[in-house]
Protein backbone atom coordinates (compact mmCIF):
# COMPACT_ATOMS: atom_id res chain seq x y z
CA MET A 1 21.45 -6.81 -11.25
CA PHE A 2 21.25 -6.93 -7.46
CA PRO A 3 22.32 -4.56 -4.87
CA THR A 4 26.13 -4.19 -4.54
CA LYS A 5 26.25 -5.78 -1.00
CA ILE A 6 24.55 -8.91 -2.32
CA GLU A 7 26.40 -8.96 -5.64
CA GLU A 8 29.63 -9.13 -3.51
CA LEU A 9 28.45 -12.15 -1.64
CA ILE A 10 27.12 -14.09 -4.65
CA GLN A 11 29.64 -13.17 -7.30
CA GLY A 12 30.59 -16.18 -9.37
CA ILE A 13 27.96 -18.44 -7.85
CA ASN A 14 25.12 -19.92 -10.01
CA LEU A 15 21.67 -18.82 -9.36
CA LYS A 16 18.46 -20.84 -9.98
CA GLU A 17 15.05 -19.48 -9.78
CA LEU A 18 12.60 -21.47 -7.63
CA VAL A 19 9.12 -21.44 -8.68
CA ASP A 20 7.35 -24.29 -6.66
CA PHE A 21 5.32 -23.52 -3.60
CA HIS A 22 5.53 -19.64 -3.65
CA VAL A 23 2.28 -17.89 -3.53
CA SER A 24 3.58 -14.46 -2.10
CA GLY A 25 4.60 -13.16 -5.53
CA ASP A 26 8.18 -12.95 -4.40
CA LYS A 27 11.06 -13.96 -6.53
CA VAL A 28 13.07 -16.69 -5.02
CA PHE A 29 16.51 -17.90 -6.06
CA SER A 30 18.74 -20.75 -4.94
CA VAL A 31 22.37 -19.67 -4.88
CA GLU A 32 23.79 -23.15 -5.32
CA ASN A 33 23.51 -24.78 -1.83
CA LYS A 34 24.90 -21.74 -0.14
CA TYR A 35 22.14 -19.02 0.05
CA ILE A 36 18.46 -18.39 -0.71
CA LEU A 37 17.84 -14.88 -2.18
CA LYS A 38 14.31 -13.38 -1.88
CA ILE A 39 13.23 -10.38 -3.82
CA SER A 40 9.84 -8.64 -2.99
CA ASP A 41 7.95 -5.52 -3.79
CA ASN A 42 6.47 -6.01 -0.37
CA THR A 43 9.44 -4.51 1.58
CA LYS A 44 7.87 -4.43 5.04
CA ARG A 45 6.81 -8.20 4.95
CA LEU A 46 10.15 -9.16 3.71
CA GLU A 47 12.05 -7.21 6.37
CA LYS A 48 9.72 -8.72 8.98
CA GLU A 49 10.76 -12.15 7.85
CA TYR A 50 14.36 -11.22 8.16
CA GLN A 51 13.88 -9.84 11.76
CA LYS A 52 11.82 -13.04 12.75
CA ASP A 53 14.61 -15.27 11.32
CA LYS A 54 17.25 -13.44 13.38
CA TRP A 55 15.14 -14.01 16.43
CA ILE A 56 13.97 -17.68 16.00
CA ASN A 57 17.20 -18.94 14.71
CA LYS A 58 18.36 -19.05 18.36
CA TYR A 59 15.57 -21.46 19.39
CA ILE A 60 14.98 -23.71 16.35
CA PRO A 61 16.70 -25.22 13.21
CA SER A 62 16.00 -22.48 10.71
CA PRO A 63 17.93 -20.28 8.18
CA LYS A 64 20.66 -17.92 9.38
CA PRO A 65 19.91 -14.46 7.95
CA ILE A 66 22.82 -12.83 6.07
CA LEU A 67 21.32 -9.37 5.04
CA PHE A 68 18.43 -7.45 4.23
CA THR A 69 18.29 -4.15 1.99
CA ILE A 70 15.99 -2.04 -0.10
CA GLU A 71 16.81 -0.77 -3.48
CA ASN A 72 14.53 0.77 -6.06
CA ASN A 73 11.47 -0.06 -3.88
CA LYS A 74 12.19 -3.67 -3.77
CA GLY A 75 13.32 -5.69 -0.72
CA TYR A 76 16.14 -8.17 -0.99
CA TYR A 77 16.72 -10.72 1.65
CA LEU A 78 19.70 -13.16 1.56
CA ARG A 79 19.73 -15.96 3.99
CA GLU A 80 21.70 -19.16 4.39
CA TYR A 81 20.45 -22.34 2.47
CA LEU A 82 18.98 -24.93 4.80
CA VAL A 83 19.63 -28.52 3.55
CA GLY A 84 16.66 -30.74 3.34
CA GLU A 85 13.57 -31.46 1.14
CA ASN A 86 10.18 -30.24 1.92
CA LEU A 87 7.19 -32.30 2.96
CA CYS A 88 5.52 -31.92 -0.46
CA ALA A 89 8.10 -34.28 -2.03
CA ASP A 90 6.48 -37.29 -3.58
CA LYS A 91 8.26 -39.72 -1.12
CA TYR A 92 6.13 -38.14 1.65
CA LEU A 93 2.83 -37.56 -0.05
CA SER A 94 2.96 -41.15 -1.19
CA ASN A 95 3.43 -42.34 2.44
CA PRO A 96 0.89 -40.41 4.46
CA GLU A 97 1.80 -42.18 7.72
CA LEU A 98 5.38 -41.15 7.42
CA LEU A 99 4.29 -37.67 6.51
CA ILE A 100 2.09 -37.43 9.54
CA ASN A 101 4.84 -38.68 11.84
CA LEU A 102 7.08 -35.99 10.46
CA LEU A 103 4.39 -33.26 10.98
CA VAL A 104 4.04 -34.40 14.56
CA GLU A 105 7.68 -34.36 15.10
CA ALA A 106 7.96 -30.77 13.66
CA MET A 107 5.09 -29.68 15.76
CA GLU A 108 6.68 -30.91 18.93
CA ILE A 109 9.97 -29.25 18.21
CA LEU A 110 8.24 -25.91 17.87
CA HIS A 111 5.66 -26.12 20.72
CA LYS A 112 8.04 -27.73 23.31
CA THR A 113 10.69 -24.95 22.60
CA LYS A 114 10.96 -22.66 25.66
CA VAL A 115 11.43 -19.01 24.67
CA ILE A 116 12.72 -16.75 27.27
CA GLU A 117 12.43 -13.34 25.41
CA ASP A 118 9.31 -11.34 25.83
CA LYS A 119 9.20 -10.51 22.06
CA TYR A 120 6.83 -11.29 19.11
CA ILE A 121 3.90 -12.09 21.33
CA ILE A 122 0.80 -12.81 19.06
CA ASP A 123 -1.59 -13.82 21.79
CA ASN A 124 -0.84 -12.94 25.50
CA GLU A 125 -2.90 -16.06 26.69
CA TYR A 126 -0.02 -18.42 25.38
CA LYS A 127 3.49 -19.15 25.99
CA THR A 128 3.88 -21.46 23.01
CA LEU A 129 6.31 -20.91 19.99
CA ILE A 130 4.44 -21.05 16.79
CA HIS A 131 5.41 -21.31 13.11
CA GLY A 132 2.28 -19.13 12.14
CA ASP A 133 2.33 -20.71 8.66
CA PHE A 134 2.75 -24.48 9.45
CA CYS A 135 2.44 -25.88 5.85
CA LEU A 136 3.98 -28.74 4.24
CA PRO A 137 6.39 -26.79 2.11
CA ASN A 138 7.77 -24.89 5.11
CA ILE A 139 9.07 -27.98 6.94
CA LEU A 140 12.36 -29.46 5.74
CA VAL A 141 13.40 -33.09 6.25
CA LYS A 142 16.72 -34.98 5.86
CA ASP A 143 17.18 -38.80 6.36
CA ASP A 144 13.46 -38.84 7.43
CA LYS A 145 14.01 -36.46 10.43
CA VAL A 146 13.00 -32.82 10.67
CA ALA A 147 15.92 -30.63 9.58
CA GLY A 148 14.36 -27.25 10.03
CA PHE A 149 11.89 -24.64 9.24
CA ILE A 150 11.54 -21.93 6.70
CA ASP A 151 9.20 -18.78 5.89
CA LEU A 152 8.86 -17.78 9.49
CA GLY A 153 7.55 -14.44 9.05
CA ASP A 154 4.47 -15.14 10.89
CA SER A 155 6.19 -16.95 13.81
CA GLY A 156 5.85 -15.72 17.44
CA ILE A 157 4.30 -16.73 20.76
CA GLY A 158 0.62 -17.64 20.39
CA ASP A 159 -2.01 -20.10 20.27
CA PRO A 160 -0.81 -23.52 19.18
CA TRP A 161 -4.15 -24.05 17.29
CA ARG A 162 -2.79 -21.57 14.66
CA ASP A 163 -0.25 -24.12 13.73
CA TYR A 164 -2.81 -27.12 14.11
CA ALA A 165 -5.20 -25.36 11.85
CA TRP A 166 -2.57 -24.78 8.97
CA CYS A 167 -1.22 -28.25 9.36
CA ILE A 168 -4.69 -29.81 8.89
CA TRP A 169 -5.46 -27.62 5.92
CA SER A 170 -2.19 -28.27 4.32
CA LEU A 171 -2.22 -31.94 4.79
CA GLU A 172 -5.82 -32.17 3.26
CA TYR A 173 -4.86 -29.80 0.39
CA ASN A 174 -1.69 -31.57 -0.52
CA LEU A 175 -3.15 -35.22 -0.19
CA LYS A 176 -6.42 -34.03 -1.86
CA SER A 177 -8.12 -35.94 0.93
CA THR A 178 -9.49 -35.70 4.41
CA ASN A 179 -9.04 -39.37 4.93
CA TYR A 180 -5.84 -38.89 7.05
CA THR A 181 -7.14 -36.04 9.18
CA PRO A 182 -8.36 -38.43 12.05
CA LEU A 183 -4.93 -40.01 12.20
CA LEU A 184 -3.25 -36.62 12.34
CA LEU A 185 -5.45 -35.49 15.14
CA LYS A 186 -4.73 -38.75 17.08
CA LYS A 187 -0.95 -38.41 16.70
CA LEU A 188 -1.11 -34.75 17.82
CA ASN A 189 -3.47 -35.95 20.75
CA ILE A 190 -5.92 -33.03 20.03
CA THR A 191 -9.65 -32.84 19.35
CA PHE A 192 -10.86 -30.86 16.32
CA ASP A 193 -11.86 -27.38 17.23
CA LYS A 194 -14.15 -26.18 14.36
CA GLU A 195 -14.25 -22.59 15.61
CA LYS A 196 -10.54 -22.12 15.90
CA TYR A 197 -9.91 -23.89 12.62
CA LYS A 198 -12.12 -21.48 10.78
CA ARG A 199 -10.76 -18.44 12.71
CA TYR A 200 -7.07 -19.18 11.76
CA ILE A 201 -7.75 -20.36 8.11
CA ASN A 202 -9.99 -17.35 7.68
CA LEU A 203 -12.94 -19.25 6.42
């Protein structure tokens, strides 16, 4: 069913397909609480995620990559399972203030991390480590503390407003309301930048 290298690692372990929060078209499987397996027709994008995970795992809590391979024009990426629930869980969506505090905590972890490598620079004007797709499903929490980050294929060194924009968009999209955006901006200690928001959300 899967490439031999992957079959050898997951043999005898139960697989469960994950269908929530995936807009890429990839197939994603949980291999109990040990691995996550992604399968994609977009082999270049999936390999980029694998390479980014290898790089960023040295700096922030994120999945350890196990292997990437291509077979029959499909990419297969096996990474470790990162324990935690994402911020789209009902317990967070029903408590917007806690949700916002966790978003701010996650943002600070990323943006205050010092990266010493001259690698994956998105914008030469900045020195900030960014997620690149800072949305609620990509932030994992355990015991009401940020446990780590996933889906880091767009991460790199760049403008922090790329993360702010997606954070604002994701908060409003998941809460189906703009009522909490002022609190988020206040907690982040930023002023809304309409031009950058539109640029990064591609409006």
